[in-house]
Amino acid sequence: MLAPILTSENVQTVTLAKMSMEIRDKVRKSLIHANMQIVEPKGINISRTLSEVDAGITLSNFAIAETGTVAEICHQDVDRLTSALPRIHICLLQCDQILGALTESASLLRSAVKTYGKSAISLISGPSRTADVELKLVLGVHGPHQVHVVTYGEE
């Protein structure tokens, strides 16, 4: 399911956030089969590298059906920036992690902060947008131009 989205947008370079080896291997095989270059950001220029990559693929911790929002709890900057800096963000979401309302996420958020301490919690409901200048809508000013959510697993 990833390759059609990426090839339709002429994506050549992709980076992956932290995810289980099983999912990572499946994603990598799909990308390699589609002749995409996988970029592993390292060193002091992580932000620059990620901003030059065409797409970032992340794994959502949960989603909220009520608002169409995916939530990512990140413990490292590189994972948080993978959803924010590339022009296209693809978020992988396991079907059984879809909650009805935001209030249902409180225990998940408390648990993550208690377990990992410092965490960045991103609630993503679509591409970055602003209408600050002359009330003209502009996409991708403070984040990706496009956000795609790909579900997997049992429904």
Protein backbone atom coordinates (compact mmCIF):
# COMPACT_ATOMS: atom_id res chain seq x y z
CA MET A 1 0.00 0.00 0.00
CA LEU A 2 2.94 2.38 0.56
CA ALA A 3 4.48 2.17 -2.89
CA PRO A 4 1.44 3.50 -4.82
CA ILE A 5 1.21 6.56 -2.56
CA LEU A 6 4.92 7.27 -2.83
CA THR A 7 5.30 6.65 -6.56
CA SER A 8 2.27 8.81 -7.38
CA GLU A 9 4.06 11.70 -5.63
CA ASN A 10 7.43 11.02 -7.33
CA VAL A 11 9.08 10.17 -4.02
CA GLN A 12 12.67 9.02 -4.33
CA THR A 13 13.98 9.25 -0.77
CA VAL A 14 12.28 7.97 2.39
CA THR A 15 13.20 7.81 6.06
CA LEU A 16 11.70 5.57 8.74
CA ALA A 17 11.00 6.39 12.38
CA LYS A 18 11.47 3.82 15.12
CA MET A 19 9.21 0.78 14.73
CA SER A 20 9.33 -2.95 15.41
CA MET A 21 11.76 -4.95 13.30
CA GLU A 22 8.89 -6.97 11.81
CA ILE A 23 7.11 -3.86 10.51
CA ARG A 24 10.37 -2.16 9.55
CA ASP A 25 11.42 -5.17 7.44
CA LYS A 26 8.08 -5.22 5.59
CA VAL A 27 8.24 -1.49 4.92
CA ARG A 28 11.89 -1.68 3.77
CA LYS A 29 11.11 -4.53 1.35
CA SER A 30 8.22 -2.56 -0.12
CA LEU A 31 10.38 0.53 -0.56
CA ILE A 32 13.32 -1.35 -2.05
CA HIS A 33 10.96 -3.14 -4.47
CA ALA A 34 9.73 0.31 -5.58
CA ASN A 35 13.35 1.48 -6.12
CA MET A 36 13.24 4.05 -3.33
CA GLN A 37 16.32 5.13 -1.40
CA ILE A 38 16.04 4.72 2.37
CA VAL A 39 17.85 7.48 4.24
CA GLU A 40 19.08 6.90 7.80
CA PRO A 41 19.60 10.33 9.41
CA LYS A 42 22.66 10.41 11.67
CA GLY A 43 25.07 12.88 13.16
CA ILE A 44 24.65 16.56 13.84
CA ASN A 45 22.69 17.41 10.66
CA ILE A 46 19.61 15.28 11.36
CA SER A 47 17.17 18.18 10.87
CA ARG A 48 18.74 19.15 7.56
CA THR A 49 18.77 15.55 6.31
CA LEU A 50 15.12 15.03 7.25
CA SER A 51 14.02 18.27 5.61
CA GLU A 52 15.62 17.12 2.35
CA VAL A 53 13.99 13.67 2.36
CA ASP A 54 10.82 13.35 0.26
CA ALA A 55 8.81 11.27 2.75
CA GLY A 56 8.87 10.15 6.35
CA ILE A 57 7.15 6.99 7.56
CA THR A 58 6.14 6.73 11.19
CA LEU A 59 4.18 4.37 13.41
CA SER A 60 1.21 5.80 15.29
CA ASN A 61 0.65 4.87 18.93
CA PHE A 62 -3.11 5.32 18.54
CA ALA A 63 -5.74 7.29 16.63
CA ILE A 64 -8.87 9.15 17.62
CA ALA A 65 -11.88 8.43 15.41
CA GLU A 66 -13.89 11.42 16.70
CA THR A 67 -11.40 13.92 15.25
CA GLY A 68 -9.54 11.92 12.59
CA THR A 69 -6.33 12.36 14.56
CA VAL A 70 -3.30 10.09 14.85
CA ALA A 71 -1.10 10.31 17.93
CA GLU A 72 2.63 9.75 18.01
CA ILE A 73 4.51 9.55 21.28
CA CYS A 74 8.20 10.09 20.56
CA HIS A 75 11.11 9.76 22.93
CA GLN A 76 13.79 10.88 20.45
CA ASP A 77 13.86 14.01 18.31
CA VAL A 78 14.66 12.07 15.13
CA ASP A 79 11.36 10.16 15.37
CA ARG A 80 9.34 13.33 16.00
CA LEU A 81 11.03 15.16 13.15
CA THR A 82 10.38 12.25 10.75
CA SER A 83 6.70 13.21 10.76
CA ALA A 84 7.29 16.97 10.67
CA LEU A 85 10.11 17.78 8.23
CA PRO A 86 9.70 15.72 5.02
CA ARG A 87 7.11 17.06 2.54
CA ILE A 88 5.07 13.85 2.81
CA HIS A 89 4.24 12.03 6.03
CA ILE A 90 2.88 8.48 5.99
CA CYS A 91 1.67 7.20 9.32
CA LEU A 92 1.16 3.47 9.86
CA LEU A 93 -1.76 2.69 12.17
CA GLN A 94 -2.74 -0.68 13.59
CA CYS A 95 -6.52 -1.08 13.27
CA ASP A 96 -7.04 -2.13 16.89
CA GLN A 97 -5.41 1.10 18.11
CA ILE A 98 -8.28 3.34 17.00
CA LEU A 99 -10.00 4.97 19.96
CA GLY A 100 -13.39 6.63 19.88
CA ALA A 101 -12.58 9.90 21.65
CA LEU A 102 -9.61 11.85 23.00
CA THR A 103 -10.64 11.14 26.60
CA GLU A 104 -9.92 7.44 26.00
CA SER A 105 -6.24 8.24 25.42
CA ALA A 106 -5.48 9.65 28.89
CA SER A 107 -4.25 6.36 30.36
CA LEU A 108 -2.06 5.65 27.31
CA LEU A 109 -0.46 9.09 27.56
CA ARG A 110 0.13 8.81 31.32
CA SER A 111 1.67 5.38 30.89
CA ALA A 112 4.05 6.56 28.15
CA VAL A 113 5.25 9.54 30.17
CA LYS A 114 5.61 7.43 33.32
CA THR A 115 7.58 4.75 31.46
CA TYR A 116 9.82 6.92 29.30
CA GLY A 117 9.87 10.29 31.06
CA LYS A 118 10.52 13.07 28.59
CA SER A 119 8.28 12.51 25.59
CA ALA A 120 6.93 14.56 22.71
CA ILE A 121 3.27 13.88 22.02
CA SER A 122 2.12 14.87 18.54
CA LEU A 123 -1.56 14.90 17.65
CA ILE A 124 -1.74 14.98 13.85
CA SER A 125 -5.01 15.72 12.04
CA GLY A 126 -3.70 16.55 8.58
CA PRO A 127 -1.05 18.55 6.77
CA SER A 128 0.34 21.74 8.21
CA ARG A 129 -1.75 24.73 7.20
CA THR A 130 -2.04 28.41 7.93
CA ALA A 131 -4.09 31.34 6.68
CA ASP A 132 -2.11 34.06 8.47
CA VAL A 133 -1.09 36.01 5.40
CA GLU A 134 -4.01 37.85 3.81
CA LEU A 135 -6.28 34.95 4.93
CA LYS A 136 -4.93 32.85 2.08
CA LEU A 137 -4.65 29.14 2.96
CA VAL A 138 -1.10 27.81 2.62
CA LEU A 139 -0.16 24.15 3.18
CA GLY A 140 3.11 22.81 4.53
CA VAL A 141 4.39 25.91 6.30
CA HIS A 142 5.21 24.23 9.63
CA GLY A 143 5.13 20.59 8.63
CA PRO A 144 4.38 18.21 5.77
CA HIS A 145 2.32 19.18 2.71
CA GLN A 146 0.59 15.81 2.77
CA VAL A 147 -0.35 13.31 5.49
CA HIS A 148 -1.48 9.78 4.67
CA VAL A 149 -2.60 7.18 7.21
CA VAL A 150 -2.22 3.53 6.24
CA THR A 151 -4.02 1.03 8.44
CA TYR A 152 -2.92 -2.55 8.93
CA GLY A 153 -3.86 -5.60 11.01
CA GLU A 154 -7.21 -6.99 12.08
CA GLU A 155 -10.23 -4.71 12.03
